[in-house]
């Protein structure tokens, strides 16, 4: 599990910019959040880049390559009319993971 957590964190860091911020939200059910300074289109591009890099890194790792491991991603944008706290944004992103295809 430690190997997978490190590989995931490294994959995210490799594919994001230095001004994007990565958070590990939950160790029990590994969940990361990335605060991207971009618009919805840029977030979609970053998501694809991160997922592709993660998949490549898993396949390249002898210990993990034979396991069924996938990354699920949800994208949410700040909406000041419905969101009042940072937790609202975080929860919207987690909710969106239910629709990742």
PDB file of N, CA and C in Angstrom:
ATOM      1  N   UNK A   1       0.825  -1.193   0.000  1.00  0.00           N
ATOM      2  CA  UNK A   1       0.000   0.000   0.000  1.00  0.00           C
ATOM      3  C   UNK A   1       0.872   1.261   0.000  1.00  0.00           C
ATOM      4  N   UNK A   2       1.966   1.228   0.766  1.00  0.00           N
ATOM      5  CA  UNK A   2       2.861   2.386   0.794  1.00  0.00           C
ATOM      6  C   UNK A   2       3.442   2.663  -0.586  1.00  0.00           C
ATOM      7  N   UNK A   3       3.793   1.607  -1.293  1.00  0.00           N
ATOM      8  CA  UNK A   3       4.326   1.755  -2.644  1.00  0.00           C
ATOM      9  C   UNK A   3       3.305   2.418  -3.563  1.00  0.00           C
ATOM     10  N   UNK A   4       2.066   1.986  -3.472  1.00  0.00           N
ATOM     11  CA  UNK A   4       1.008   2.558  -4.309  1.00  0.00           C
ATOM     12  C   UNK A   4       0.743   4.014  -3.957  1.00  0.00           C
ATOM     13  N   UNK A   5       0.740   4.346  -2.679  1.00  0.00           N
ATOM     14  CA  UNK A   5       0.543   5.741  -2.260  1.00  0.00           C
ATOM     15  C   UNK A   5       1.662   6.626  -2.800  1.00  0.00           C
ATOM     16  N   UNK A   6       2.899   6.155  -2.697  1.00  0.00           N
ATOM     17  CA  UNK A   6       4.041   6.938  -3.207  1.00  0.00           C
ATOM     18  C   UNK A   6       3.975   7.059  -4.720  1.00  0.00           C
ATOM     19  N   UNK A   7       3.679   5.967  -5.403  1.00  0.00           N
ATOM     20  CA  UNK A   7       3.595   5.999  -6.861  1.00  0.00           C
ATOM     21  C   UNK A   7       2.506   6.974  -7.322  1.00  0.00           C
ATOM     22  N   UNK A   8       1.377   6.967  -6.644  1.00  0.00           N
ATOM     23  CA  UNK A   8       0.288   7.869  -7.013  1.00  0.00           C
ATOM     24  C   UNK A   8       0.691   9.320  -6.793  1.00  0.00           C
ATOM     25  N   UNK A   9       1.255   9.603  -5.640  1.00  0.00           N
ATOM     26  CA  UNK A   9       1.691  10.970  -5.345  1.00  0.00           C
ATOM     27  C   UNK A   9       2.742  11.432  -6.349  1.00  0.00           C
ATOM     28  N   UNK A  10       3.708  10.574  -6.647  1.00  0.00           N
ATOM     29  CA  UNK A  10       4.747  10.921  -7.623  1.00  0.00           C
ATOM     30  C   UNK A  10       4.148  11.137  -9.012  1.00  0.00           C
ATOM     31  N   UNK A  11       3.176  10.311  -9.397  1.00  0.00           N
ATOM     32  CA  UNK A  11       2.532  10.452 -10.711  1.00  0.00           C
ATOM     33  C   UNK A  11       1.820  11.792 -10.816  1.00  0.00           C
ATOM     34  N   UNK A  12       1.150  12.193  -9.750  1.00  0.00           N
ATOM     35  CA  UNK A  12       0.438  13.480  -9.745  1.00  0.00           C
ATOM     36  C   UNK A  12       1.444  14.627  -9.849  1.00  0.00           C
ATOM     37  N   UNK A  13       2.503  14.562  -9.048  1.00  0.00           N
ATOM     38  CA  UNK A  13       3.507  15.632  -9.055  1.00  0.00           C
ATOM     39  C   UNK A  13       4.207  15.749 -10.405  1.00  0.00           C
ATOM     40  N   UNK A  14       4.451  14.595 -11.063  1.00  0.00           N
ATOM     41  CA  UNK A  14       5.107  14.606 -12.382  1.00  0.00           C
ATOM     42  C   UNK A  14       4.267  15.317 -13.430  1.00  0.00           C
ATOM     43  N   UNK A  15       2.955  15.236 -13.315  1.00  0.00           N
ATOM     44  CA  UNK A  15       2.064  15.711 -14.374  1.00  0.00           C
ATOM     45  C   UNK A  15       1.362  17.026 -14.059  1.00  0.00           C
ATOM     46  N   UNK A  16       1.674  17.633 -12.920  1.00  0.00           N
ATOM     47  CA  UNK A  16       1.090  18.934 -12.601  1.00  0.00           C
ATOM     48  C   UNK A  16       2.186  19.986 -12.555  1.00  0.00           C
ATOM     49  N   UNK A  17       1.758  21.228 -12.581  1.00  0.00           N
ATOM     50  CA  UNK A  17       2.707  22.337 -12.554  1.00  0.00           C
ATOM     51  C   UNK A  17       3.113  22.646 -11.116  1.00  0.00           C
ATOM     52  N   UNK A  18       4.182  23.395 -10.962  1.00  0.00           N
ATOM     53  CA  UNK A  18       4.686  23.694  -9.623  1.00  0.00           C
ATOM     54  C   UNK A  18       3.730  24.570  -8.816  1.00  0.00           C
ATOM     55  N   UNK A  19       2.854  25.330  -9.466  1.00  0.00           N
ATOM     56  CA  UNK A  19       1.925  26.166  -8.713  1.00  0.00           C
ATOM     57  C   UNK A  19       0.616  25.448  -8.371  1.00  0.00           C
ATOM     58  N   UNK A  20       0.409  24.220  -8.882  1.00  0.00           N
ATOM     59  CA  UNK A  20      -0.745  23.428  -8.509  1.00  0.00           C
ATOM     60  C   UNK A  20      -0.451  22.775  -7.157  1.00  0.00           C
ATOM     61  N   UNK A  21      -1.475  22.647  -6.313  1.00  0.00           N
ATOM     62  CA  UNK A  21      -1.279  22.151  -4.954  1.00  0.00           C
ATOM     63  C   UNK A  21      -1.969  20.799  -4.803  1.00  0.00           C
ATOM     64  N   UNK A  22      -1.225  19.818  -4.290  1.00  0.00           N
ATOM     65  CA  UNK A  22      -1.753  18.464  -4.094  1.00  0.00           C
ATOM     66  C   UNK A  22      -1.950  18.200  -2.606  1.00  0.00           C
ATOM     67  N   UNK A  23      -3.105  17.624  -2.278  1.00  0.00           N
ATOM     68  CA  UNK A  23      -3.439  17.265  -0.901  1.00  0.00           C
ATOM     69  C   UNK A  23      -3.788  15.780  -0.839  1.00  0.00           C
ATOM     70  N   UNK A  24      -3.305  15.076   0.170  1.00  0.00           N
ATOM     71  CA  UNK A  24      -3.770  13.724   0.453  1.00  0.00           C
ATOM     72  C   UNK A  24      -4.892  13.881   1.472  1.00  0.00           C
ATOM     73  N   UNK A  25      -6.125  13.608   1.058  1.00  0.00           N
ATOM     74  CA  UNK A  25      -7.287  13.840   1.910  1.00  0.00           C
ATOM     75  C   UNK A  25      -7.601  12.676   2.834  1.00  0.00           C
ATOM     76  N   UNK A  26      -7.309  11.448   2.372  1.00  0.00           N
ATOM     77  CA  UNK A  26      -7.729  10.289   3.139  1.00  0.00           C
ATOM     78  C   UNK A  26      -6.764   9.128   2.894  1.00  0.00           C
ATOM     79  N   UNK A  27      -6.145   8.633   3.957  1.00  0.00           N
ATOM     80  CA  UNK A  27      -5.237   7.484   3.849  1.00  0.00           C
ATOM     81  C   UNK A  27      -5.986   6.161   3.792  1.00  0.00           C
ATOM     82  N   UNK A  28      -7.106   6.063   4.501  1.00  0.00           N
ATOM     83  CA  UNK A  28      -7.867   4.816   4.567  1.00  0.00           C
ATOM     84  C   UNK A  28      -8.430   4.437   3.199  1.00  0.00           C
ATOM     85  N   UNK A  29      -9.068   5.364   2.548  1.00  0.00           N
ATOM     86  CA  UNK A  29      -9.575   5.214   1.184  1.00  0.00           C
ATOM     87  C   UNK A  29      -8.797   6.244   0.370  1.00  0.00           C
ATOM     88  N   UNK A  30      -7.606   5.880  -0.122  1.00  0.00           N
ATOM     89  CA  UNK A  30      -6.696   6.883  -0.692  1.00  0.00           C
ATOM     90  C   UNK A  30      -7.390   7.865  -1.634  1.00  0.00           C
ATOM     91  N   UNK A  31      -7.399   9.115  -1.185  1.00  0.00           N
ATOM     92  CA  UNK A  31      -8.074  10.185  -1.923  1.00  0.00           C
ATOM     93  C   UNK A  31      -7.185  11.418  -1.918  1.00  0.00           C
ATOM     94  N   UNK A  32      -6.890  11.916  -3.112  1.00  0.00           N
ATOM     95  CA  UNK A  32      -6.098  13.133  -3.258  1.00  0.00           C
ATOM     96  C   UNK A  32      -6.990  14.231  -3.808  1.00  0.00           C
ATOM     97  N   UNK A  33      -6.613  15.461  -3.540  1.00  0.00           N
ATOM     98  CA  UNK A  33      -7.229  16.620  -4.164  1.00  0.00           C
ATOM     99  C   UNK A  33      -6.095  17.441  -4.764  1.00  0.00           C
ATOM    100  N   UNK A  34      -6.362  18.023  -5.918  1.00  0.00           N
ATOM    101  CA  UNK A  34      -5.365  18.882  -6.560  1.00  0.00           C
ATOM    102  C   UNK A  34      -6.042  20.205  -6.867  1.00  0.00           C
ATOM    103  N   UNK A  35      -5.501  21.262  -6.332  1.00  0.00           N
ATOM    104  CA  UNK A  35      -6.001  22.598  -6.626  1.00  0.00           C
ATOM    105  C   UNK A  35      -5.253  23.090  -7.854  1.00  0.00           C
ATOM    106  N   UNK A  36      -5.956  23.099  -8.981  1.00  0.00           N
ATOM    107  CA  UNK A  36      -5.365  23.507 -10.256  1.00  0.00           C
ATOM    108  C   UNK A  36      -5.731  24.956 -10.544  1.00  0.00           C
ATOM    109  N   UNK A  37      -4.783  25.716 -10.949  1.00  0.00           N
ATOM    110  CA  UNK A  37      -5.033  27.100 -11.338  1.00  0.00           C
ATOM    111  C   UNK A  37      -5.259  27.133 -12.838  1.00  0.00           C
ATOM    112  N   UNK A  38      -6.495  26.788 -13.240  1.00  0.00           N
ATOM    113  CA  UNK A  38      -6.833  26.699 -14.654  1.00  0.00           C
ATOM    114  C   UNK A  38      -8.345  26.744 -14.809  1.00  0.00           C
ATOM    115  N   UNK A  39      -8.792  26.749 -16.051  1.00  0.00           N
ATOM    116  CA  UNK A  39     -10.227  26.689 -16.327  1.00  0.00           C
ATOM    117  C   UNK A  39     -10.645  25.228 -16.510  1.00  0.00           C
ATOM    118  N   UNK A  40     -11.939  25.010 -16.814  1.00  0.00           N
ATOM    119  CA  UNK A  40     -12.467  23.647 -16.948  1.00  0.00           C
ATOM    120  C   UNK A  40     -11.748  22.866 -18.053  1.00  0.00           C
ATOM    121  N   UNK A  41     -11.450  23.524 -19.167  1.00  0.00           N
ATOM    122  CA  UNK A  41     -10.758  22.845 -20.263  1.00  0.00           C
ATOM    123  C   UNK A  41      -9.363  22.408 -19.820  1.00  0.00           C
ATOM    124  N   UNK A  42      -8.651  23.293 -19.145  1.00  0.00           N
ATOM    125  CA  UNK A  42      -7.315  22.972 -18.646  1.00  0.00           C
ATOM    126  C   UNK A  42      -7.354  21.857 -17.612  1.00  0.00           C
ATOM    127  N   UNK A  43      -8.393  21.826 -16.779  1.00  0.00           N
ATOM    128  CA  UNK A  43      -8.545  20.764 -15.785  1.00  0.00           C
ATOM    129  C   UNK A  43      -8.746  19.418 -16.480  1.00  0.00           C
ATOM    130  N   UNK A  44      -9.499  19.413 -17.562  1.00  0.00           N
ATOM    131  CA  UNK A  44      -9.699  18.179 -18.329  1.00  0.00           C
ATOM    132  C   UNK A  44      -8.398  17.667 -18.921  1.00  0.00           C
ATOM    133  N   UNK A  45      -7.592  18.576 -19.429  1.00  0.00           N
ATOM    134  CA  UNK A  45      -6.286  18.211 -19.999  1.00  0.00           C
ATOM    135  C   UNK A  45      -5.376  17.665 -18.896  1.00  0.00           C
ATOM    136  N   UNK A  46      -5.355  18.355 -17.755  1.00  0.00           N
ATOM    137  CA  UNK A  46      -4.515  17.908 -16.636  1.00  0.00           C
ATOM    138  C   UNK A  46      -4.964  16.539 -16.142  1.00  0.00           C
ATOM    139  N   UNK A  47      -6.265  16.330 -16.079  1.00  0.00           N
ATOM    140  CA  UNK A  47      -6.812  15.039 -15.642  1.00  0.00           C
ATOM    141  C   UNK A  47      -6.334  13.909 -16.543  1.00  0.00           C
ATOM    142  N   UNK A  48      -6.427  14.112 -17.838  1.00  0.00           N
ATOM    143  CA  UNK A  48      -5.974  13.079 -18.784  1.00  0.00           C
ATOM    144  C   UNK A  48      -4.487  12.805 -18.630  1.00  0.00           C
ATOM    145  N   UNK A  49      -3.713  13.864 -18.478  1.00  0.00           N
ATOM    146  CA  UNK A  49      -2.265  13.732 -18.319  1.00  0.00           C
ATOM    147  C   UNK A  49      -1.927  12.947 -17.045  1.00  0.00           C
ATOM    148  N   UNK A  50      -2.616  13.254 -15.951  1.00  0.00           N
ATOM    149  CA  UNK A  50      -2.358  12.585 -14.679  1.00  0.00           C
ATOM    150  C   UNK A  50      -2.747  11.113 -14.763  1.00  0.00           C
ATOM    151  N   UNK A  51      -3.931  10.834 -15.290  1.00  0.00           N
ATOM    152  CA  UNK A  51      -4.388   9.443 -15.390  1.00  0.00           C
ATOM    153  C   UNK A  51      -3.469   8.622 -16.295  1.00  0.00           C
ATOM    154  N   UNK A  52      -3.061   9.182 -17.423  1.00  0.00           N
ATOM    155  CA  UNK A  52      -2.156   8.473 -18.336  1.00  0.00           C
ATOM    156  C   UNK A  52      -0.803   8.202 -17.672  1.00  0.00           C
ATOM    157  N   UNK A  53      -0.258   9.199 -16.974  1.00  0.00           N
ATOM    158  CA  UNK A  53       1.021   9.032 -16.282  1.00  0.00           C
ATOM    159  C   UNK A  53       0.926   7.996 -15.173  1.00  0.00           C
ATOM    160  N   UNK A  54      -0.183   8.012 -14.438  1.00  0.00           N
ATOM    161  CA  UNK A  54      -0.392   7.037 -13.377  1.00  0.00           C
ATOM    162  C   UNK A  54      -0.444   5.622 -13.947  1.00  0.00           C
ATOM    163  N   UNK A  55      -1.223   5.433 -15.001  1.00  0.00           N
ATOM    164  CA  UNK A  55      -1.344   4.110 -15.621  1.00  0.00           C
ATOM    165  C   UNK A  55       0.012   3.607 -16.116  1.00  0.00           C
ATOM    166  N   UNK A  56       0.776   4.491 -16.740  1.00  0.00           N
ATOM    167  CA  UNK A  56       2.108   4.128 -17.242  1.00  0.00           C
ATOM    168  C   UNK A  56       3.032   3.726 -16.090  1.00  0.00           C
ATOM    169  N   UNK A  57       2.987   4.482 -14.988  1.00  0.00           N
ATOM    170  CA  UNK A  57       3.845   4.184 -13.845  1.00  0.00           C
ATOM    171  C   UNK A  57       3.449   2.875 -13.161  1.00  0.00           C
ATOM    172  N   UNK A  58       2.157   2.580 -13.093  1.00  0.00           N
ATOM    173  CA  UNK A  58       1.707   1.310 -12.505  1.00  0.00           C
ATOM    174  C   UNK A  58       2.186   0.147 -13.366  1.00  0.00           C
ATOM    175  N   UNK A  59       2.025   0.271 -14.678  1.00  0.00           N
ATOM    176  CA  UNK A  59       2.443  -0.810 -15.578  1.00  0.00           C
ATOM    177  C   UNK A  59       3.949  -1.024 -15.547  1.00  0.00           C
ATOM    178  N   UNK A  60       4.708   0.018 -15.286  1.00  0.00           N
ATOM    179  CA  UNK A  60       6.172  -0.083 -15.265  1.00  0.00           C
ATOM    180  C   UNK A  60       6.705  -0.644 -13.948  1.00  0.00           C
ATOM    181  N   UNK A  61       5.850  -0.751 -12.946  1.00  0.00           N
ATOM    182  CA  UNK A  61       6.273  -1.230 -11.640  1.00  0.00           C
ATOM    183  C   UNK A  61       6.001  -2.731 -11.522  1.00  0.00           C
ATOM    184  N   UNK A  62       7.042  -3.519 -11.331  1.00  0.00           N
ATOM    185  CA  UNK A  62       6.909  -4.978 -11.259  1.00  0.00           C
ATOM    186  C   UNK A  62       5.970  -5.430 -10.151  1.00  0.00           C
ATOM    187  N   UNK A  63       5.970  -4.743  -9.029  1.00  0.00           N
ATOM    188  CA  UNK A  63       5.142  -5.137  -7.893  1.00  0.00           C
ATOM    189  C   UNK A  63       3.655  -4.842  -8.102  1.00  0.00           C
ATOM    190  N   UNK A  64       3.347  -3.869  -8.944  1.00  0.00           N
ATOM    191  CA  UNK A  64       1.964  -3.442  -9.115  1.00  0.00           C
ATOM    192  C   UNK A  64       1.360  -3.805 -10.471  1.00  0.00           C
ATOM    193  N   UNK A  65       2.196  -4.118 -11.441  1.00  0.00           N
ATOM    194  CA  UNK A  65       1.723  -4.275 -12.819  1.00  0.00           C
ATOM    195  C   UNK A  65       0.727  -5.417 -13.011  1.00  0.00           C
ATOM    196  N   UNK A  66       0.724  -6.391 -12.123  1.00  0.00           N
ATOM    197  CA  UNK A  66      -0.194  -7.525 -12.280  1.00  0.00           C
ATOM    198  C   UNK A  66      -1.516  -7.317 -11.530  1.00  0.00           C
ATOM    199  N   UNK A  67      -1.656  -6.189 -10.843  1.00  0.00           N
ATOM    200  CA  UNK A  67      -2.878  -5.902 -10.081  1.00  0.00           C
ATOM    201  C   UNK A  67      -3.822  -5.032 -10.902  1.00  0.00           C
ATOM    202  N   UNK A  68      -5.099  -5.147 -10.605  1.00  0.00           N
ATOM    203  CA  UNK A  68      -6.108  -4.301 -11.247  1.00  0.00           C
ATOM    204  C   UNK A  68      -6.204  -3.002 -10.443  1.00  0.00           C
ATOM    205  N   UNK A  69      -5.493  -1.988 -10.889  1.00  0.00           N
ATOM    206  CA  UNK A  69      -5.429  -0.698 -10.196  1.00  0.00           C
ATOM    207  C   UNK A  69      -5.865   0.381 -11.172  1.00  0.00           C
ATOM    208  N   UNK A  70      -6.748   1.256 -10.716  1.00  0.00           N
ATOM    209  CA  UNK A  70      -7.177   2.354 -11.580  1.00  0.00           C
ATOM    210  C   UNK A  70      -7.313   3.631 -10.760  1.00  0.00           C
ATOM    211  N   UNK A  71      -7.308   4.736 -11.449  1.00  0.00           N
ATOM    212  CA  UNK A  71      -7.471   6.039 -10.826  1.00  0.00           C
ATOM    213  C   UNK A  71      -8.820   6.605 -11.267  1.00  0.00           C
ATOM    214  N   UNK A  72      -9.591   7.078 -10.312  1.00  0.00           N
ATOM    215  CA  UNK A  72     -10.876   7.703 -10.601  1.00  0.00           C
ATOM    216  C   UNK A  72     -10.724   9.192 -10.312  1.00  0.00           C
ATOM    217  N   UNK A  73     -11.219  10.027 -11.233  1.00  0.00           N
ATOM    218  CA  UNK A  73     -11.033  11.464 -11.126  1.00  0.00           C
ATOM    219  C   UNK A  73     -12.371  12.184 -11.221  1.00  0.00           C
ATOM    220  N   UNK A  74     -12.535  13.200 -10.413  1.00  0.00           N
ATOM    221  CA  UNK A  74     -13.693  14.083 -10.499  1.00  0.00           C
ATOM    222  C   UNK A  74     -13.211  15.517 -10.586  1.00  0.00           C
ATOM    223  N   UNK A  75     -13.864  16.316 -11.388  1.00  0.00           N
ATOM    224  CA  UNK A  75     -13.471  17.720 -11.561  1.00  0.00           C
ATOM    225  C   UNK A  75     -14.608  18.606 -11.069  1.00  0.00           C
ATOM    226  N   UNK A  76     -14.261  19.571 -10.233  1.00  0.00           N
ATOM    227  CA  UNK A  76     -15.230  20.536  -9.735  1.00  0.00           C
ATOM    228  C   UNK A  76     -14.618  21.926  -9.803  1.00  0.00           C
ATOM    229  N   UNK A  77     -15.444  22.916 -10.061  1.00  0.00           N
ATOM    230  CA  UNK A  77     -15.010  24.314 -10.090  1.00  0.00           C
ATOM    231  C   UNK A  77     -15.743  25.083  -9.003  1.00  0.00           C
ATOM    232  N   UNK A  78     -15.098  26.102  -8.501  1.00  0.00           N
ATOM    233  CA  UNK A  78     -15.702  26.938  -7.458  1.00  0.00           C
ATOM    234  C   UNK A  78     -16.914  27.663  -8.015  1.00  0.00           C
ATOM    235  N   UNK A  79     -18.009  27.596  -7.291  1.00  0.00           N
ATOM    236  CA  UNK A  79     -19.249  28.300  -7.646  1.00  0.00           C
ATOM    237  C   UNK A  79     -19.686  29.095  -6.424  1.00  0.00           C
ATOM    238  N   UNK A  80     -19.444  30.391  -6.445  1.00  0.00           N
ATOM    239  CA  UNK A  80     -19.711  31.216  -5.267  1.00  0.00           C
ATOM    240  C   UNK A  80     -21.195  31.304  -4.917  1.00  0.00           C
ATOM    241  N   UNK A  81     -22.066  30.982  -5.861  1.00  0.00           N
ATOM    242  CA  UNK A  81     -23.496  31.045  -5.547  1.00  0.00           C
ATOM    243  C   UNK A  81     -23.976  29.831  -4.747  1.00  0.00           C
ATOM    244  N   UNK A  82     -23.259  28.710  -4.836  1.00  0.00           N
ATOM    245  CA  UNK A  82     -23.675  27.508  -4.106  1.00  0.00           C
ATOM    246  C   UNK A  82     -22.645  27.047  -3.089  1.00  0.00           C
ATOM    247  N   UNK A  83     -21.419  27.523  -3.189  1.00  0.00           N
ATOM    248  CA  UNK A  83     -20.349  27.073  -2.295  1.00  0.00           C
ATOM    249  C   UNK A  83     -19.966  28.196  -1.347  1.00  0.00           C
ATOM    250  N   UNK A  84     -19.844  27.833  -0.073  1.00  0.00           N
ATOM    251  CA  UNK A  84     -19.501  28.831   0.943  1.00  0.00           C
ATOM    252  C   UNK A  84     -18.151  28.559   1.604  1.00  0.00           C
ATOM    253  N   UNK A  85     -17.720  27.289   1.616  1.00  0.00           N
ATOM    254  CA  UNK A  85     -16.456  26.931   2.275  1.00  0.00           C
ATOM    255  C   UNK A  85     -15.618  26.064   1.330  1.00  0.00           C
ATOM    256  N   UNK A  86     -14.336  25.943   1.608  1.00  0.00           N
ATOM    257  CA  UNK A  86     -13.498  25.045   0.795  1.00  0.00           C
ATOM    258  C   UNK A  86     -14.010  23.599   0.810  1.00  0.00           C
ATOM    259  N   UNK A  87     -14.669  23.213   1.904  1.00  0.00           N
ATOM    260  CA  UNK A  87     -15.210  21.853   1.978  1.00  0.00           C
ATOM    261  C   UNK A  87     -16.296  21.616   0.932  1.00  0.00           C
ATOM    262  N   UNK A  88     -17.027  22.667   0.594  1.00  0.00           N
ATOM    263  CA  UNK A  88     -18.048  22.544  -0.456  1.00  0.00           C
ATOM    264  C   UNK A  88     -17.390  22.176  -1.789  1.00  0.00           C
ATOM    265  N   UNK A  89     -16.274  22.809  -2.097  1.00  0.00           N
ATOM    266  CA  UNK A  89     -15.539  22.493  -3.331  1.00  0.00           C
ATOM    267  C   UNK A  89     -14.980  21.070  -3.274  1.00  0.00           C
ATOM    268  N   UNK A  90     -14.392  20.707  -2.147  1.00  0.00           N
ATOM    269  CA  UNK A  90     -13.841  19.368  -1.992  1.00  0.00           C
ATOM    270  C   UNK A  90     -14.941  18.312  -2.144  1.00  0.00           C
ATOM    271  N   UNK A  91     -16.063  18.525  -1.504  1.00  0.00           N
ATOM    272  CA  UNK A  91     -17.166  17.565  -1.593  1.00  0.00           C
ATOM    273  C   UNK A  91     -17.735  17.483  -3.009  1.00  0.00           C
ATOM    274  N   UNK A  92     -17.746  18.593  -3.732  1.00  0.00           N
ATOM    275  CA  UNK A  92     -18.217  18.573  -5.127  1.00  0.00           C
ATOM    276  C   UNK A  92     -17.275  17.732  -5.985  1.00  0.00           C
ATOM    277  N   UNK A  93     -15.983  17.841  -5.750  1.00  0.00           N
ATOM    278  CA  UNK A  93     -15.015  17.029  -6.492  1.00  0.00           C
ATOM    279  C   UNK A  93     -15.157  15.550  -6.183  1.00  0.00           C
ATOM    280  N   UNK A  94     -15.343  15.233  -4.910  1.00  0.00           N
ATOM    281  CA  UNK A  94     -15.534  13.829  -4.527  1.00  0.00           C
ATOM    282  C   UNK A  94     -16.821  13.297  -5.140  1.00  0.00           C
ATOM    283  N   UNK A  95     -17.867  14.080  -5.121  1.00  0.00           N
ATOM    284  CA  UNK A  95     -19.142  13.680  -5.725  1.00  0.00           C
ATOM    285  C   UNK A  95     -18.959  13.374  -7.210  1.00  0.00           C
ATOM    286  N   UNK A  96     -18.150  14.156  -7.895  1.00  0.00           N
ATOM    287  CA  UNK A  96     -17.920  13.962  -9.327  1.00  0.00           C
ATOM    288  C   UNK A  96     -17.171  12.667  -9.643  1.00  0.00           C
ATOM    289  N   UNK A  97     -16.472  12.107  -8.652  1.00  0.00           N
ATOM    290  CA  UNK A  97     -15.771  10.848  -8.912  1.00  0.00           C
ATOM    291  C   UNK A  97     -16.745   9.720  -9.186  1.00  0.00           C
ATOM    292  N   UNK A  98     -17.978   9.888  -8.800  1.00  0.00           N
ATOM    293  CA  UNK A  98     -18.997   8.860  -9.074  1.00  0.00           C
ATOM    294  C   UNK A  98     -19.317   8.772 -10.553  1.00  0.00           C
ATOM    295  N   UNK A  99     -18.918   9.776 -11.324  1.00  0.00           N
ATOM    296  CA  UNK A  99     -19.265   9.818 -12.737  1.00  0.00           C
ATOM    297  C   UNK A  99     -18.065   9.692 -13.667  1.00  0.00           C
ATOM    298  N   UNK A 100     -16.879   9.404 -13.103  1.00  0.00           N
ATOM    299  CA  UNK A 100     -15.682   9.224 -13.934  1.00  0.00           C
ATOM    300  C   UNK A 100     -15.856   7.976 -14.783  1.00  0.00           C
ATOM    301  N   UNK A 101     -15.531   8.088 -16.055  1.00  0.00           N
ATOM    302  CA  UNK A 101     -15.677   6.937 -16.955  1.00  0.00           C
ATOM    303  C   UNK A 101     -14.352   6.483 -17.517  1.00  0.00           C
TER     304      UNK A 101
END
